[in-house]
Amino acid sequence: MNVSPRAIQAALVRARAPILWIGATYLFGVAVGAGMVHAHNSFALRYCDNLVGHAQTTDPAAIAMNRGLPLRAALADFGGNLVRGAVPTTVMGLGIVMPFPLVAFRGWIGGIVSVDGRHVSRLLDSHERLCYLGVLLLQLIPYTLAGGTGVRLGLAFVFPKGRWGYPTARRWIGLPAEGVHDVLRIYILIVPLFLVASLVEFMAR
């Protein structure tokens, strides 16, 4: 499998439309979530409070951070985002439409945490705004790539001819081999992007 920068770029080009669809869905979810908490919607605020409170006692990254272990927190967050978040989203992409509700919900979660525990907007303070938007962007990029490349593979599986097909007919467990290679090529970008996002979130506080 060719994993040169040119091959990775070509994989991104082939997946560009699904990547844009997934990205737009994420941004829509973020906008809706942020709009709801900034409009003081009680459901969104209550969900945010419960989510953050639950994470403080169950999420390995939050627990490590509360113990003063930011590097361990970052690595736990990285592992969770990659193994429990990105990979399942890519696999769901084989169903083409299956990732989109999850993506919209994940974006909505990203939007509702734009307020702090006192329900004050994190966008008001310049430092808080930079941290929130920076981490959000750093996480959404690899999540978008993961979802988009999965949808692209699903399209190639369902529509092997025409726009979504690959020139070679080689298969790997029923999937187009070159499509699987494209997923692996794009994951070469996804993995370090998630690591950077987690390090920034927990080490830059």
Protein backbone atom coordinates (compact mmCIF):
# COMPACT_ATOMS: atom_id res chain seq x y z
CA MET A 1 0.00 0.00 0.00
CA ASN A 2 1.34 3.38 -1.01
CA VAL A 3 1.27 5.84 1.91
CA SER A 4 3.25 8.66 0.35
CA PRO A 5 2.00 12.24 0.84
CA ARG A 6 0.73 12.20 -2.74
CA ALA A 7 -1.24 8.99 -2.12
CA ILE A 8 -2.75 10.45 1.06
CA GLN A 9 -3.69 13.61 -0.81
CA ALA A 10 -5.33 11.53 -3.55
CA ALA A 11 -7.33 9.61 -0.92
CA LEU A 12 -8.56 12.89 0.53
CA VAL A 13 -9.58 14.11 -2.90
CA ARG A 14 -11.53 10.92 -3.57
CA ALA A 15 -13.34 11.28 -0.23
CA ARG A 16 -13.80 15.05 -0.38
CA ALA A 17 -17.57 15.06 -0.95
CA PRO A 18 -18.46 12.73 1.98
CA ILE A 19 -15.94 14.58 4.16
CA LEU A 20 -17.72 17.86 3.36
CA TRP A 21 -21.13 16.28 4.09
CA ILE A 22 -19.96 15.03 7.46
CA GLY A 23 -18.26 18.35 8.25
CA ALA A 24 -21.42 20.30 7.43
CA THR A 25 -23.45 17.99 9.68
CA TYR A 26 -21.01 18.53 12.55
CA LEU A 27 -21.16 22.29 12.16
CA PHE A 28 -24.95 22.20 12.02
CA GLY A 29 -25.04 20.24 15.28
CA VAL A 30 -22.59 22.61 16.95
CA ALA A 31 -24.61 25.65 15.86
CA VAL A 32 -27.87 24.17 17.13
CA GLY A 33 -26.34 23.16 20.47
CA ALA A 34 -24.62 26.50 21.01
CA GLY A 35 -27.74 28.38 20.00
CA MET A 36 -29.87 26.42 22.48
CA VAL A 37 -27.64 27.00 25.52
CA HIS A 38 -27.07 30.64 24.64
CA ALA A 39 -30.85 31.03 24.41
CA HIS A 40 -31.01 29.46 27.91
CA ASN A 41 -32.94 26.42 26.75
CA SER A 42 -33.57 24.44 29.92
CA PHE A 43 -33.28 21.01 28.27
CA ALA A 44 -29.90 21.81 26.70
CA LEU A 45 -28.53 23.38 29.88
CA ARG A 46 -29.72 20.48 32.02
CA TYR A 47 -28.24 17.96 29.60
CA CYS A 48 -24.93 19.83 29.64
CA ASP A 49 -24.83 19.87 33.44
CA ASN A 50 -25.61 16.15 33.65
CA LEU A 51 -23.06 15.33 30.97
CA VAL A 52 -20.25 17.26 32.62
CA GLY A 53 -21.13 15.96 36.07
CA HIS A 54 -21.22 12.36 34.87
CA ALA A 55 -17.91 12.77 33.05
CA GLN A 56 -16.20 14.02 36.21
CA THR A 57 -16.81 10.67 37.91
CA THR A 58 -16.66 8.20 35.02
CA ASP A 59 -14.47 9.58 32.22
CA PRO A 60 -10.83 8.41 32.60
CA ALA A 61 -9.52 11.67 31.15
CA ALA A 62 -11.52 13.84 33.56
CA ILE A 63 -10.55 11.64 36.51
CA ALA A 64 -6.85 11.86 35.61
CA MET A 65 -7.10 15.62 35.19
CA ASN A 66 -8.75 16.01 38.59
CA ARG A 67 -5.80 14.10 40.07
CA GLY A 68 -3.35 16.54 38.51
CA LEU A 69 -2.18 14.21 35.74
CA PRO A 70 -2.69 16.18 32.52
CA LEU A 71 -0.55 13.95 30.30
CA ARG A 72 -2.41 10.83 31.40
CA ALA A 73 -5.67 12.72 30.86
CA ALA A 74 -4.61 13.69 27.34
CA LEU A 75 -3.63 10.13 26.44
CA ALA A 76 -6.89 8.75 27.85
CA ASP A 77 -8.86 11.32 25.88
CA PHE A 78 -6.87 10.51 22.75
CA GLY A 79 -7.55 6.79 23.10
CA GLY A 80 -11.24 7.34 23.73
CA ASN A 81 -11.67 9.67 20.76
CA LEU A 82 -9.86 7.29 18.45
CA VAL A 83 -11.07 3.86 19.59
CA ARG A 84 -14.56 4.62 20.88
CA GLY A 85 -15.30 7.59 18.65
CA ALA A 86 -13.58 7.68 15.29
CA VAL A 87 -13.29 3.98 14.43
CA PRO A 88 -16.97 3.16 15.08
CA THR A 89 -17.97 6.24 13.06
CA THR A 90 -15.87 5.01 10.13
CA VAL A 91 -17.40 1.53 10.36
CA MET A 92 -20.89 3.04 10.49
CA GLY A 93 -20.05 4.85 7.27
CA LEU A 94 -20.42 1.55 5.44
CA GLY A 95 -24.15 2.11 5.90
CA ILE A 96 -23.71 5.52 4.19
CA VAL A 97 -26.45 7.36 6.12
CA MET A 98 -25.85 5.73 9.50
CA PRO A 99 -23.14 8.13 10.80
CA PHE A 100 -25.10 11.32 10.19
CA PRO A 101 -27.45 11.21 13.22
CA LEU A 102 -24.48 10.38 15.48
CA VAL A 103 -22.42 13.13 13.89
CA ALA A 104 -25.20 15.68 14.40
CA PHE A 105 -25.57 14.61 18.04
CA ARG A 106 -21.81 14.74 18.64
CA GLY A 107 -21.76 18.23 17.14
CA TRP A 108 -24.68 19.21 19.37
CA ILE A 109 -22.69 18.06 22.40
CA GLY A 110 -19.81 20.22 21.22
CA GLY A 111 -22.19 23.15 21.00
CA ILE A 112 -23.86 22.84 24.40
CA VAL A 113 -20.51 22.84 26.22
CA SER A 114 -19.94 26.37 24.94
CA VAL A 115 -21.21 27.50 28.35
CA ASP A 116 -19.51 26.82 31.68
CA GLY A 117 -20.93 25.35 34.88
CA ARG A 118 -22.57 28.68 35.73
CA HIS A 119 -24.19 28.75 32.28
CA VAL A 120 -22.02 31.69 31.26
CA SER A 121 -20.85 31.71 27.67
CA ARG A 122 -17.27 30.57 27.18
CA LEU A 123 -17.16 32.85 24.15
CA LEU A 124 -17.16 36.03 26.23
CA ASP A 125 -13.66 35.69 27.68
CA SER A 126 -10.89 35.82 25.04
CA HIS A 127 -8.84 33.01 26.61
CA GLU A 128 -11.87 30.76 27.15
CA ARG A 129 -13.07 31.49 23.62
CA LEU A 130 -9.69 30.58 22.12
CA CYS A 131 -9.46 27.35 24.13
CA TYR A 132 -13.01 26.28 23.37
CA LEU A 133 -12.96 27.04 19.64
CA GLY A 134 -9.42 25.72 19.21
CA VAL A 135 -10.12 22.36 20.84
CA LEU A 136 -13.48 22.08 19.08
CA LEU A 137 -11.85 22.63 15.69
CA LEU A 138 -8.96 20.28 16.43
CA GLN A 139 -11.41 17.52 17.36
CA LEU A 140 -13.93 18.08 14.58
CA ILE A 141 -11.32 17.84 11.83
CA PRO A 142 -10.25 14.22 12.55
CA TYR A 143 -13.82 13.21 13.41
CA THR A 144 -14.93 14.63 10.07
CA LEU A 145 -12.18 12.77 8.23
CA ALA A 146 -13.08 9.53 10.03
CA GLY A 147 -16.76 9.79 9.18
CA GLY A 148 -16.17 10.98 5.64
CA THR A 149 -13.76 8.23 4.71
CA GLY A 150 -16.17 5.63 6.09
CA VAL A 151 -19.04 7.01 4.02
CA ARG A 152 -16.77 7.07 0.95
CA LEU A 153 -15.96 3.40 1.44
CA GLY A 154 -19.65 2.62 1.91
CA LEU A 155 -20.50 4.37 -1.35
CA ALA A 156 -17.79 2.42 -3.16
CA PHE A 157 -19.20 -0.82 -1.75
CA VAL A 158 -22.83 -0.07 -2.69
CA PHE A 159 -22.05 1.64 -6.01
CA PRO A 160 -18.93 -0.10 -7.39
CA LYS A 161 -19.41 1.47 -10.81
CA GLY A 162 -19.27 5.09 -11.86
CA ARG A 163 -18.25 8.02 -9.66
CA TRP A 164 -17.82 6.07 -6.42
CA GLY A 165 -16.12 2.99 -7.83
CA TYR A 166 -12.41 2.21 -7.98
CA PRO A 167 -10.60 1.22 -11.19
CA THR A 168 -9.40 -2.10 -9.75
CA ALA A 169 -11.86 -4.86 -8.89
CA ARG A 170 -9.76 -6.31 -6.06
CA ARG A 171 -11.74 -6.97 -2.87
CA TRP A 172 -10.88 -7.35 0.80
CA ILE A 173 -13.59 -9.15 2.82
CA GLY A 174 -16.06 -7.92 0.24
CA LEU A 175 -14.90 -4.30 0.30
CA PRO A 176 -12.95 -2.63 -2.51
CA ALA A 177 -9.30 -3.08 -1.58
CA GLU A 178 -8.27 0.37 -2.78
CA GLY A 179 -11.09 1.91 -0.73
CA VAL A 180 -9.80 0.18 2.39
CA HIS A 181 -6.33 1.49 1.57
CA ASP A 182 -7.78 5.00 1.31
CA VAL A 183 -9.27 4.64 4.80
CA LEU A 184 -5.89 3.58 6.18
CA ARG A 185 -4.16 6.45 4.38
CA ILE A 186 -6.53 9.00 5.86
CA TYR A 187 -6.11 7.46 9.32
CA ILE A 188 -2.43 8.33 9.02
CA LEU A 189 -3.68 11.91 9.41
CA ILE A 190 -6.48 11.18 11.86
CA VAL A 191 -4.34 9.57 14.56
CA PRO A 192 -1.86 12.44 15.08
CA LEU A 193 -4.63 15.03 14.75
CA PHE A 194 -6.51 13.44 17.65
CA LEU A 195 -3.31 13.30 19.67
CA VAL A 196 -2.64 17.00 19.08
CA ALA A 197 -6.24 17.87 19.99
CA SER A 198 -6.03 15.99 23.29
CA LEU A 199 -2.64 17.41 24.19
CA VAL A 200 -3.85 20.94 23.54
CA GLU A 201 -7.04 20.39 25.54
CA PHE A 202 -5.35 19.01 28.66
CA MET A 203 -1.80 20.33 28.55
CA ALA A 204 -2.52 23.93 27.61
CA ARG A 205 -4.74 24.70 30.61
